């Protein structure tokens, strides 16, 4: 994936809020920039605005971007309690991620690449399973996500969070 604007990366992954001017500019930018803008507004709880940016990306020709968009929509659905709807989006993300191939350039520091997309899809499916009490399925998905999650700080954090939620849900917390 090509270089993305550093200020938008900061907004998406480091907590800086997006202002309306930056959002308007991102809405007409390249697809990867639109995805980052959607991540940012979604993190602010502006799910409808995020969906407006993400839904067209969910059918992008780039399987990594399509996967990331679907995983993000799934995450937002989970935040709103829509675990079954989230599962459909996460399953679609996994199908897109399965088509993605590493370009051999290296790992994106924020996990915006083939392995990050796969980790996001698997961890989303694990969260969906966990939410409806399918602990064995969730555990298997968290385990499958371990290798692709090693690629970036963001996917390592998501993997650790998923593992922690699984331990808590199974009553094995110490």
N, C-alpha and C. Protein backbone atom coordinates (compact mmCIF):
# COMPACT_ATOMS: atom_id res chain seq x y z
N UNK A 1 0.86 -1.16 0.00
CA UNK A 1 0.00 0.00 0.00
C UNK A 1 0.91 1.23 0.00
N UNK A 2 0.51 2.24 -0.69
CA UNK A 2 1.34 3.43 -0.84
C UNK A 2 1.41 4.24 0.45
N UNK A 3 2.29 5.21 0.47
CA UNK A 3 2.45 6.06 1.64
C UNK A 3 1.16 6.84 1.90
N UNK A 4 0.79 6.89 3.15
CA UNK A 4 -0.43 7.59 3.54
C UNK A 4 -0.06 8.86 4.30
N UNK A 5 -0.92 9.86 4.26
CA UNK A 5 -0.61 11.11 4.94
C UNK A 5 -0.34 10.89 6.43
N UNK A 6 0.79 11.39 6.90
CA UNK A 6 1.18 11.19 8.30
C UNK A 6 0.17 11.80 9.26
N UNK A 7 -0.40 12.96 8.90
CA UNK A 7 -1.36 13.57 9.80
C UNK A 7 -2.62 12.73 9.92
N UNK A 8 -3.02 12.08 8.84
CA UNK A 8 -4.20 11.22 8.90
C UNK A 8 -3.89 9.94 9.66
N UNK A 9 -2.68 9.41 9.53
CA UNK A 9 -2.28 8.25 10.34
C UNK A 9 -2.34 8.62 11.82
N UNK A 10 -1.86 9.81 12.17
CA UNK A 10 -1.90 10.24 13.57
C UNK A 10 -3.34 10.34 14.05
N UNK A 11 -4.21 10.87 13.21
CA UNK A 11 -5.62 10.97 13.60
C UNK A 11 -6.23 9.58 13.79
N UNK A 12 -5.92 8.65 12.90
CA UNK A 12 -6.53 7.33 12.94
C UNK A 12 -6.01 6.46 14.08
N UNK A 13 -4.72 6.52 14.36
CA UNK A 13 -4.12 5.55 15.28
C UNK A 13 -3.52 6.15 16.54
N UNK A 14 -3.51 7.42 16.67
CA UNK A 14 -2.87 8.01 17.83
C UNK A 14 -3.75 9.01 18.56
N UNK A 15 -5.04 8.96 18.26
CA UNK A 15 -6.00 9.70 19.06
C UNK A 15 -6.26 11.14 18.72
N UNK A 16 -5.61 11.68 17.70
CA UNK A 16 -5.86 13.07 17.33
C UNK A 16 -7.20 13.15 16.60
N UNK A 17 -8.09 14.03 17.02
CA UNK A 17 -9.40 14.10 16.35
C UNK A 17 -9.28 14.68 14.94
N UNK A 18 -10.20 14.27 14.09
CA UNK A 18 -10.21 14.78 12.72
C UNK A 18 -11.12 16.01 12.68
N UNK A 19 -10.67 17.03 12.02
CA UNK A 19 -11.54 18.20 11.88
C UNK A 19 -12.33 18.07 10.58
N UNK A 20 -13.39 18.84 10.47
CA UNK A 20 -14.28 18.70 9.32
C UNK A 20 -13.59 19.02 8.00
N UNK A 21 -12.64 19.92 8.01
CA UNK A 21 -11.91 20.25 6.78
C UNK A 21 -11.08 19.06 6.32
N UNK A 22 -10.39 18.41 7.25
CA UNK A 22 -9.60 17.23 6.90
C UNK A 22 -10.50 16.08 6.46
N UNK A 23 -11.66 15.94 7.10
CA UNK A 23 -12.60 14.89 6.72
C UNK A 23 -13.12 15.13 5.31
N UNK A 24 -13.47 16.36 5.00
CA UNK A 24 -13.98 16.67 3.65
C UNK A 24 -12.92 16.38 2.59
N UNK A 25 -11.68 16.75 2.89
CA UNK A 25 -10.59 16.49 1.93
C UNK A 25 -10.37 14.98 1.77
N UNK A 26 -10.43 14.25 2.87
CA UNK A 26 -10.20 12.81 2.82
C UNK A 26 -11.32 12.09 2.07
N UNK A 27 -12.53 12.61 2.15
CA UNK A 27 -13.68 11.95 1.51
C UNK A 27 -13.54 11.89 0.00
N UNK A 28 -12.74 12.77 -0.57
CA UNK A 28 -12.56 12.77 -2.02
C UNK A 28 -11.16 12.33 -2.42
N UNK A 29 -10.40 11.83 -1.47
CA UNK A 29 -9.02 11.41 -1.72
C UNK A 29 -8.99 9.96 -2.19
N UNK A 30 -7.80 9.41 -2.27
CA UNK A 30 -7.62 8.02 -2.69
C UNK A 30 -8.28 7.08 -1.67
N UNK A 31 -8.57 5.85 -2.06
CA UNK A 31 -9.29 4.93 -1.17
C UNK A 31 -8.62 4.68 0.18
N UNK A 32 -7.31 4.54 0.21
CA UNK A 32 -6.63 4.28 1.49
C UNK A 32 -6.79 5.46 2.44
N UNK A 33 -6.74 6.66 1.92
CA UNK A 33 -6.93 7.84 2.75
C UNK A 33 -8.37 7.91 3.25
N UNK A 34 -9.32 7.53 2.40
CA UNK A 34 -10.73 7.49 2.84
C UNK A 34 -10.90 6.48 3.97
N UNK A 35 -10.20 5.33 3.87
CA UNK A 35 -10.30 4.34 4.94
C UNK A 35 -9.77 4.92 6.26
N UNK A 36 -8.62 5.58 6.21
CA UNK A 36 -8.07 6.18 7.43
C UNK A 36 -9.04 7.20 8.02
N UNK A 37 -9.65 8.01 7.17
CA UNK A 37 -10.62 9.00 7.66
C UNK A 37 -11.80 8.29 8.31
N UNK A 38 -12.25 7.19 7.73
CA UNK A 38 -13.37 6.43 8.31
C UNK A 38 -12.99 5.84 9.66
N UNK A 39 -11.76 5.34 9.80
CA UNK A 39 -11.29 4.82 11.08
C UNK A 39 -11.34 5.94 12.12
N UNK A 40 -10.91 7.12 11.72
CA UNK A 40 -10.86 8.25 12.64
C UNK A 40 -12.25 8.67 13.09
N UNK A 41 -13.18 8.86 12.16
CA UNK A 41 -14.52 9.30 12.56
C UNK A 41 -15.25 8.18 13.31
N UNK A 42 -14.98 6.93 12.96
CA UNK A 42 -15.57 5.82 13.71
C UNK A 42 -15.09 5.79 15.15
N UNK A 43 -13.81 6.07 15.35
CA UNK A 43 -13.26 6.11 16.71
C UNK A 43 -13.89 7.21 17.54
N UNK A 44 -14.44 8.20 16.88
CA UNK A 44 -15.14 9.30 17.57
C UNK A 44 -16.62 8.98 17.76
N UNK A 45 -17.04 7.78 17.35
CA UNK A 45 -18.43 7.38 17.49
C UNK A 45 -19.33 7.88 16.38
N UNK A 46 -18.75 8.40 15.34
CA UNK A 46 -19.52 8.92 14.20
C UNK A 46 -19.65 7.81 13.16
N UNK A 47 -20.43 6.78 13.51
CA UNK A 47 -20.51 5.57 12.72
C UNK A 47 -21.18 5.78 11.37
N UNK A 48 -22.18 6.64 11.30
CA UNK A 48 -22.85 6.87 10.01
C UNK A 48 -21.89 7.53 9.03
N UNK A 49 -21.12 8.51 9.50
CA UNK A 49 -20.13 9.16 8.63
C UNK A 49 -19.07 8.17 8.20
N UNK A 50 -18.65 7.31 9.13
CA UNK A 50 -17.65 6.30 8.79
C UNK A 50 -18.20 5.32 7.75
N UNK A 51 -19.44 4.89 7.94
CA UNK A 51 -20.05 3.94 7.01
C UNK A 51 -20.15 4.53 5.60
N UNK A 52 -20.46 5.82 5.53
CA UNK A 52 -20.56 6.47 4.21
C UNK A 52 -19.23 6.40 3.47
N UNK A 53 -18.12 6.43 4.19
CA UNK A 53 -16.80 6.31 3.57
C UNK A 53 -16.43 4.84 3.32
N UNK A 54 -16.84 3.96 4.22
CA UNK A 54 -16.40 2.56 4.17
C UNK A 54 -17.17 1.69 3.19
N UNK A 55 -18.47 1.88 3.10
CA UNK A 55 -19.28 0.96 2.29
C UNK A 55 -18.80 0.87 0.85
N UNK A 56 -18.50 1.99 0.17
CA UNK A 56 -17.97 1.85 -1.19
C UNK A 56 -16.61 1.13 -1.24
N UNK A 57 -15.83 1.25 -0.18
CA UNK A 57 -14.52 0.59 -0.14
C UNK A 57 -14.64 -0.91 0.08
N UNK A 58 -15.78 -1.36 0.60
CA UNK A 58 -15.96 -2.78 0.90
C UNK A 58 -15.98 -3.64 -0.36
N UNK A 59 -16.10 -3.01 -1.51
CA UNK A 59 -16.07 -3.73 -2.78
C UNK A 59 -14.90 -3.25 -3.65
N UNK A 60 -13.90 -2.67 -3.02
CA UNK A 60 -12.73 -2.17 -3.74
C UNK A 60 -12.02 -3.32 -4.45
N UNK A 61 -11.35 -3.00 -5.54
CA UNK A 61 -10.61 -4.03 -6.27
C UNK A 61 -9.37 -4.48 -5.49
N UNK A 62 -8.83 -3.63 -4.65
CA UNK A 62 -7.70 -3.99 -3.80
C UNK A 62 -8.24 -4.83 -2.64
N UNK A 63 -7.88 -6.12 -2.57
CA UNK A 63 -8.45 -6.97 -1.52
C UNK A 63 -8.05 -6.55 -0.11
N UNK A 64 -6.87 -5.95 0.05
CA UNK A 64 -6.46 -5.50 1.38
C UNK A 64 -7.38 -4.37 1.84
N UNK A 65 -7.58 -3.40 0.99
CA UNK A 65 -8.43 -2.27 1.34
C UNK A 65 -9.87 -2.71 1.56
N UNK A 66 -10.37 -3.59 0.70
CA UNK A 66 -11.74 -4.10 0.88
C UNK A 66 -11.86 -4.84 2.21
N UNK A 67 -10.85 -5.64 2.55
CA UNK A 67 -10.86 -6.37 3.82
C UNK A 67 -10.85 -5.41 5.00
N UNK A 68 -9.96 -4.43 4.96
CA UNK A 68 -9.88 -3.46 6.06
C UNK A 68 -11.20 -2.70 6.22
N UNK A 69 -11.82 -2.33 5.10
CA UNK A 69 -13.10 -1.62 5.17
C UNK A 69 -14.17 -2.50 5.80
N UNK A 70 -14.25 -3.75 5.38
CA UNK A 70 -15.25 -4.66 5.94
C UNK A 70 -15.00 -4.91 7.43
N UNK A 71 -13.74 -5.09 7.82
CA UNK A 71 -13.42 -5.29 9.24
C UNK A 71 -13.81 -4.07 10.07
N UNK A 72 -13.59 -2.89 9.51
CA UNK A 72 -13.93 -1.67 10.23
C UNK A 72 -15.44 -1.55 10.41
N UNK A 73 -16.19 -1.85 9.35
CA UNK A 73 -17.66 -1.84 9.48
C UNK A 73 -18.09 -2.87 10.53
N UNK A 74 -17.49 -4.05 10.50
CA UNK A 74 -17.81 -5.07 11.49
C UNK A 74 -17.54 -4.59 12.90
N UNK A 75 -16.42 -3.92 13.09
CA UNK A 75 -16.08 -3.39 14.41
C UNK A 75 -17.12 -2.38 14.88
N UNK A 76 -17.53 -1.51 13.98
CA UNK A 76 -18.54 -0.51 14.35
C UNK A 76 -19.87 -1.18 14.69
N UNK A 77 -20.25 -2.20 13.94
CA UNK A 77 -21.49 -2.92 14.24
C UNK A 77 -21.41 -3.56 15.64
N UNK A 78 -20.25 -4.14 15.95
CA UNK A 78 -20.06 -4.74 17.29
C UNK A 78 -20.21 -3.69 18.37
N UNK A 79 -19.64 -2.52 18.16
CA UNK A 79 -19.74 -1.44 19.15
C UNK A 79 -21.19 -1.08 19.44
N UNK A 80 -22.04 -1.26 18.44
CA UNK A 80 -23.46 -0.93 18.59
C UNK A 80 -24.29 -2.15 19.01
N UNK A 81 -23.64 -3.27 19.31
CA UNK A 81 -24.33 -4.46 19.77
C UNK A 81 -24.84 -5.36 18.66
N UNK A 82 -24.49 -5.07 17.43
CA UNK A 82 -24.95 -5.87 16.30
C UNK A 82 -23.98 -6.98 15.95
N UNK A 83 -23.86 -7.97 16.82
CA UNK A 83 -22.84 -9.00 16.65
C UNK A 83 -23.08 -9.89 15.43
N UNK A 84 -24.33 -10.18 15.12
CA UNK A 84 -24.60 -11.02 13.95
C UNK A 84 -24.30 -10.25 12.66
N UNK A 85 -24.65 -8.97 12.62
CA UNK A 85 -24.31 -8.14 11.45
C UNK A 85 -22.80 -8.00 11.34
N UNK A 86 -22.13 -7.84 12.47
CA UNK A 86 -20.67 -7.72 12.46
C UNK A 86 -20.04 -8.98 11.88
N UNK A 87 -20.58 -10.13 12.25
CA UNK A 87 -20.02 -11.40 11.77
C UNK A 87 -20.07 -11.48 10.24
N UNK A 88 -21.16 -11.01 9.65
CA UNK A 88 -21.24 -11.03 8.17
C UNK A 88 -20.15 -10.15 7.56
N UNK A 89 -19.93 -8.97 8.13
CA UNK A 89 -18.88 -8.08 7.61
C UNK A 89 -17.50 -8.69 7.83
N UNK A 90 -17.28 -9.30 9.01
CA UNK A 90 -15.97 -9.89 9.29
C UNK A 90 -15.69 -11.10 8.41
N UNK A 91 -16.73 -11.87 8.11
CA UNK A 91 -16.56 -13.01 7.19
C UNK A 91 -16.19 -12.52 5.79
N UNK A 92 -16.82 -11.44 5.36
CA UNK A 92 -16.48 -10.85 4.07
C UNK A 92 -15.04 -10.33 4.09
N UNK A 93 -14.65 -9.72 5.21
CA UNK A 93 -13.27 -9.24 5.35
C UNK A 93 -12.29 -10.40 5.23
N UNK A 94 -12.61 -11.53 5.85
CA UNK A 94 -11.72 -12.70 5.77
C UNK A 94 -11.61 -13.21 4.34
N UNK A 95 -12.72 -13.20 3.61
CA UNK A 95 -12.66 -13.64 2.20
C UNK A 95 -11.78 -12.71 1.38
N UNK A 96 -11.92 -11.40 1.59
CA UNK A 96 -11.06 -10.45 0.88
C UNK A 96 -9.59 -10.66 1.28
N UNK A 97 -9.33 -10.82 2.57
CA UNK A 97 -7.95 -10.98 3.05
C UNK A 97 -7.32 -12.24 2.47
N UNK A 98 -8.11 -13.27 2.27
CA UNK A 98 -7.58 -14.52 1.70
C UNK A 98 -7.09 -14.31 0.27
N UNK A 99 -7.65 -13.32 -0.43
CA UNK A 99 -7.22 -13.03 -1.80
C UNK A 99 -5.98 -12.14 -1.84
N UNK A 100 -5.65 -11.51 -0.73
CA UNK A 100 -4.53 -10.56 -0.70
C UNK A 100 -3.20 -11.30 -0.70
N UNK A 101 -2.25 -10.71 -1.33
CA UNK A 101 -0.90 -11.27 -1.37
C UNK A 101 0.07 -10.21 -0.89
N UNK A 102 1.04 -10.63 -0.11
CA UNK A 102 2.06 -9.70 0.35
C UNK A 102 2.89 -9.23 -0.83
N UNK A 103 3.18 -7.94 -0.84
CA UNK A 103 3.97 -7.39 -1.94
C UNK A 103 5.46 -7.51 -1.70
N UNK A 104 5.85 -8.07 -0.55
CA UNK A 104 7.25 -8.28 -0.26
C UNK A 104 8.00 -7.03 0.15
N UNK A 105 7.30 -5.91 0.26
CA UNK A 105 7.95 -4.65 0.60
C UNK A 105 8.26 -4.56 2.08
N UNK A 106 7.56 -5.29 2.89
CA UNK A 106 7.75 -5.23 4.33
C UNK A 106 6.42 -4.95 5.00
N UNK A 107 6.44 -4.93 6.29
CA UNK A 107 5.22 -4.75 7.05
C UNK A 107 4.95 -3.29 7.29
N UNK A 108 3.72 -2.89 7.08
CA UNK A 108 3.32 -1.52 7.38
C UNK A 108 3.35 -1.34 8.90
N UNK A 109 3.90 -0.23 9.40
CA UNK A 109 4.03 -0.07 10.85
C UNK A 109 2.69 -0.06 11.59
N UNK A 110 1.61 0.29 10.89
CA UNK A 110 0.30 0.33 11.52
C UNK A 110 -0.58 -0.86 11.14
N UNK A 111 -0.03 -1.83 10.44
CA UNK A 111 -0.79 -3.02 10.08
C UNK A 111 -1.75 -2.83 8.94
N UNK A 112 -1.45 -1.88 8.05
CA UNK A 112 -2.29 -1.64 6.88
C UNK A 112 -1.67 -2.38 5.71
N UNK A 113 -1.86 -3.66 5.68
CA UNK A 113 -1.31 -4.51 4.63
C UNK A 113 -1.96 -5.87 4.69
N UNK A 114 -1.49 -6.82 3.90
CA UNK A 114 -2.13 -8.14 3.85
C UNK A 114 -2.20 -8.85 5.20
N UNK A 115 -1.10 -8.87 5.96
CA UNK A 115 -1.14 -9.58 7.24
C UNK A 115 -2.01 -8.85 8.26
N UNK A 116 -1.96 -7.53 8.25
CA UNK A 116 -2.82 -6.76 9.15
C UNK A 116 -4.29 -6.96 8.83
N UNK A 117 -4.62 -7.00 7.54
CA UNK A 117 -6.01 -7.22 7.13
C UNK A 117 -6.48 -8.60 7.58
N UNK A 118 -5.63 -9.61 7.43
CA UNK A 118 -5.99 -10.95 7.87
C UNK A 118 -6.17 -11.00 9.38
N UNK A 119 -5.25 -10.40 10.12
CA UNK A 119 -5.38 -10.37 11.58
C UNK A 119 -6.67 -9.68 11.99
N UNK A 120 -6.98 -8.54 11.38
CA UNK A 120 -8.21 -7.83 11.72
C UNK A 120 -9.44 -8.69 11.46
N UNK A 121 -9.47 -9.37 10.32
CA UNK A 121 -10.63 -10.20 9.98
C UNK A 121 -10.79 -11.35 10.97
N UNK A 122 -9.71 -12.04 11.27
CA UNK A 122 -9.79 -13.17 12.20
C UNK A 122 -10.16 -12.72 13.61
N UNK A 123 -9.58 -11.61 14.05
CA UNK A 123 -9.90 -11.11 15.39
C UNK A 123 -11.32 -10.58 15.47
N UNK A 124 -11.80 -10.01 14.38
CA UNK A 124 -13.20 -9.59 14.34
C UNK A 124 -14.13 -10.79 14.46
N UNK A 125 -13.84 -11.84 13.70
CA UNK A 125 -14.65 -13.06 13.80
C UNK A 125 -14.58 -13.66 15.21
N UNK A 126 -13.40 -13.59 15.83
CA UNK A 126 -13.27 -14.08 17.21
C UNK A 126 -14.13 -13.27 18.16
N UNK A 127 -14.13 -11.96 18.00
CA UNK A 127 -14.96 -11.10 18.86
C UNK A 127 -16.44 -11.38 18.65
N UNK A 128 -16.82 -11.64 17.41
CA UNK A 128 -18.22 -11.97 17.13
C UNK A 128 -18.61 -13.27 17.83
N UNK A 129 -17.75 -14.28 17.75
CA UNK A 129 -18.03 -15.57 18.39
C UNK A 129 -18.08 -15.42 19.91
N UNK A 130 -17.15 -14.68 20.45
CA UNK A 130 -17.10 -14.45 21.89
C UNK A 130 -18.37 -13.78 22.39
N UNK A 131 -18.86 -12.82 21.64
CA UNK A 131 -20.03 -12.05 22.06
C UNK A 131 -21.30 -12.90 22.17
N UNK A 132 -21.34 -13.99 21.43
CA UNK A 132 -22.53 -14.85 21.49
C UNK A 132 -22.24 -16.17 22.20
N UNK A 133 -21.13 -16.21 22.95
CA UNK A 133 -20.84 -17.35 23.82
C UNK A 133 -20.19 -18.54 23.16
N UNK A 134 -19.68 -18.40 21.95
CA UNK A 134 -19.00 -19.51 21.28
C UNK A 134 -17.50 -19.42 21.59
N UNK A 135 -17.16 -19.80 22.82
CA UNK A 135 -15.79 -19.60 23.31
C UNK A 135 -14.77 -20.46 22.58
N UNK A 136 -15.09 -21.70 22.27
CA UNK A 136 -14.13 -22.56 21.56
C UNK A 136 -13.82 -22.00 20.18
N UNK A 137 -14.86 -21.55 19.49
CA UNK A 137 -14.64 -20.94 18.17
C UNK A 137 -13.80 -19.67 18.29
N UNK A 138 -14.10 -18.86 19.30
CA UNK A 138 -13.33 -17.63 19.51
C UNK A 138 -11.87 -17.95 19.79
N UNK A 139 -11.63 -18.96 20.62
CA UNK A 139 -10.25 -19.35 20.95
C UNK A 139 -9.50 -19.80 19.71
N UNK A 140 -10.15 -20.59 18.87
CA UNK A 140 -9.49 -21.07 17.64
C UNK A 140 -9.15 -19.90 16.72
N UNK A 141 -10.04 -18.93 16.62
CA UNK A 141 -9.79 -17.78 15.76
C UNK A 141 -8.68 -16.89 16.32
N UNK A 142 -8.67 -16.69 17.63
CA UNK A 142 -7.59 -15.91 18.25
C UNK A 142 -6.25 -16.61 18.00
N UNK A 143 -6.23 -17.93 18.13
CA UNK A 143 -5.00 -18.68 17.85
C UNK A 143 -4.57 -18.52 16.39
N UNK A 144 -5.52 -18.61 15.46
CA UNK A 144 -5.19 -18.44 14.03
C UNK A 144 -4.66 -17.04 13.74
N UNK A 145 -5.09 -16.06 14.52
CA UNK A 145 -4.66 -14.68 14.29
C UNK A 145 -3.28 -14.38 14.86
N UNK A 146 -2.73 -15.28 15.65
CA UNK A 146 -1.46 -14.99 16.33
C UNK A 146 -0.33 -14.65 15.36
N UNK A 147 -0.13 -15.45 14.34
CA UNK A 147 0.97 -15.20 13.40
C UNK A 147 0.78 -13.91 12.62
N UNK A 148 -0.36 -13.67 11.98
CA UNK A 148 -0.49 -12.41 11.25
C UNK A 148 -0.51 -11.19 12.17
N UNK A 149 -0.89 -11.38 13.43
CA UNK A 149 -0.95 -10.24 14.34
C UNK A 149 0.43 -9.75 14.76
N UNK A 150 1.46 -10.55 14.57
CA UNK A 150 2.81 -10.14 14.98
C UNK A 150 3.36 -8.97 14.16
N UNK A 151 2.73 -8.66 13.04
CA UNK A 151 3.30 -7.72 12.08
C UNK A 151 3.36 -6.26 12.47
N UNK A 152 2.51 -5.81 13.38
CA UNK A 152 2.52 -4.38 13.72
C UNK A 152 2.05 -4.19 15.15
N UNK A 153 2.33 -3.02 15.68
CA UNK A 153 1.90 -2.70 17.03
C UNK A 153 0.38 -2.79 17.15
N UNK A 154 -0.34 -2.31 16.15
CA UNK A 154 -1.80 -2.27 16.22
C UNK A 154 -2.40 -3.67 16.26
N UNK A 155 -1.91 -4.56 15.43
CA UNK A 155 -2.46 -5.92 15.41
C UNK A 155 -2.02 -6.71 16.64
N UNK A 156 -0.83 -6.43 17.17
CA UNK A 156 -0.40 -7.09 18.42
C UNK A 156 -1.30 -6.66 19.57
N UNK A 157 -1.63 -5.38 19.63
CA UNK A 157 -2.53 -4.89 20.69
C UNK A 157 -3.91 -5.53 20.54
N UNK A 158 -4.44 -5.56 19.33
CA UNK A 158 -5.76 -6.17 19.10
C UNK A 158 -5.75 -7.65 19.48
N UNK A 159 -4.66 -8.34 19.14
CA UNK A 159 -4.58 -9.76 19.48
C UNK A 159 -4.54 -9.96 20.99
N UNK A 160 -3.74 -9.18 21.69
CA UNK A 160 -3.66 -9.29 23.15
C UNK A 160 -5.01 -8.95 23.79
N UNK A 161 -5.68 -7.96 23.26
CA UNK A 161 -7.00 -7.59 23.76
C UNK A 161 -7.98 -8.75 23.55
N UNK A 162 -7.97 -9.35 22.38
CA UNK A 162 -8.85 -10.48 22.11
C UNK A 162 -8.56 -11.65 23.03
N UNK A 163 -7.28 -11.93 23.26
CA UNK A 163 -6.91 -13.01 24.17
C UNK A 163 -7.38 -12.70 25.59
N UNK A 164 -7.22 -11.46 26.02
CA UNK A 164 -7.66 -11.07 27.36
C UNK A 164 -9.18 -11.21 27.52
N UNK A 165 -9.93 -10.78 26.51
CA UNK A 165 -11.39 -10.92 26.58
C UNK A 165 -11.80 -12.38 26.64
N UNK A 166 -11.10 -13.22 25.91
CA UNK A 166 -11.38 -14.65 25.91
C UNK A 166 -11.12 -15.26 27.29
N UNK A 167 -10.01 -14.89 27.90
CA UNK A 167 -9.68 -15.39 29.24
C UNK A 167 -10.74 -14.94 30.25
N UNK A 168 -11.15 -13.69 30.17
CA UNK A 168 -12.18 -13.18 31.08
C UNK A 168 -13.51 -13.91 30.87
N UNK A 169 -13.90 -14.08 29.62
CA UNK A 169 -15.18 -14.73 29.32
C UNK A 169 -15.20 -16.19 29.74
N UNK A 170 -14.05 -16.83 29.71
CA UNK A 170 -13.99 -18.26 30.06
C UNK A 170 -13.82 -18.48 31.56
N UNK A 171 -13.70 -17.39 32.32
CA UNK A 171 -13.56 -17.50 33.77
C UNK A 171 -12.18 -17.93 34.22
N UNK A 172 -11.18 -17.75 33.37
CA UNK A 172 -9.82 -18.18 33.72
C UNK A 172 -8.92 -17.01 34.11
N UNK A 173 -9.51 -15.86 34.39
CA UNK A 173 -8.69 -14.70 34.77
C UNK A 173 -8.12 -14.92 36.17
N UNK A 174 -6.88 -14.51 36.35
CA UNK A 174 -6.29 -14.67 37.68
C UNK A 174 -5.95 -13.33 38.27
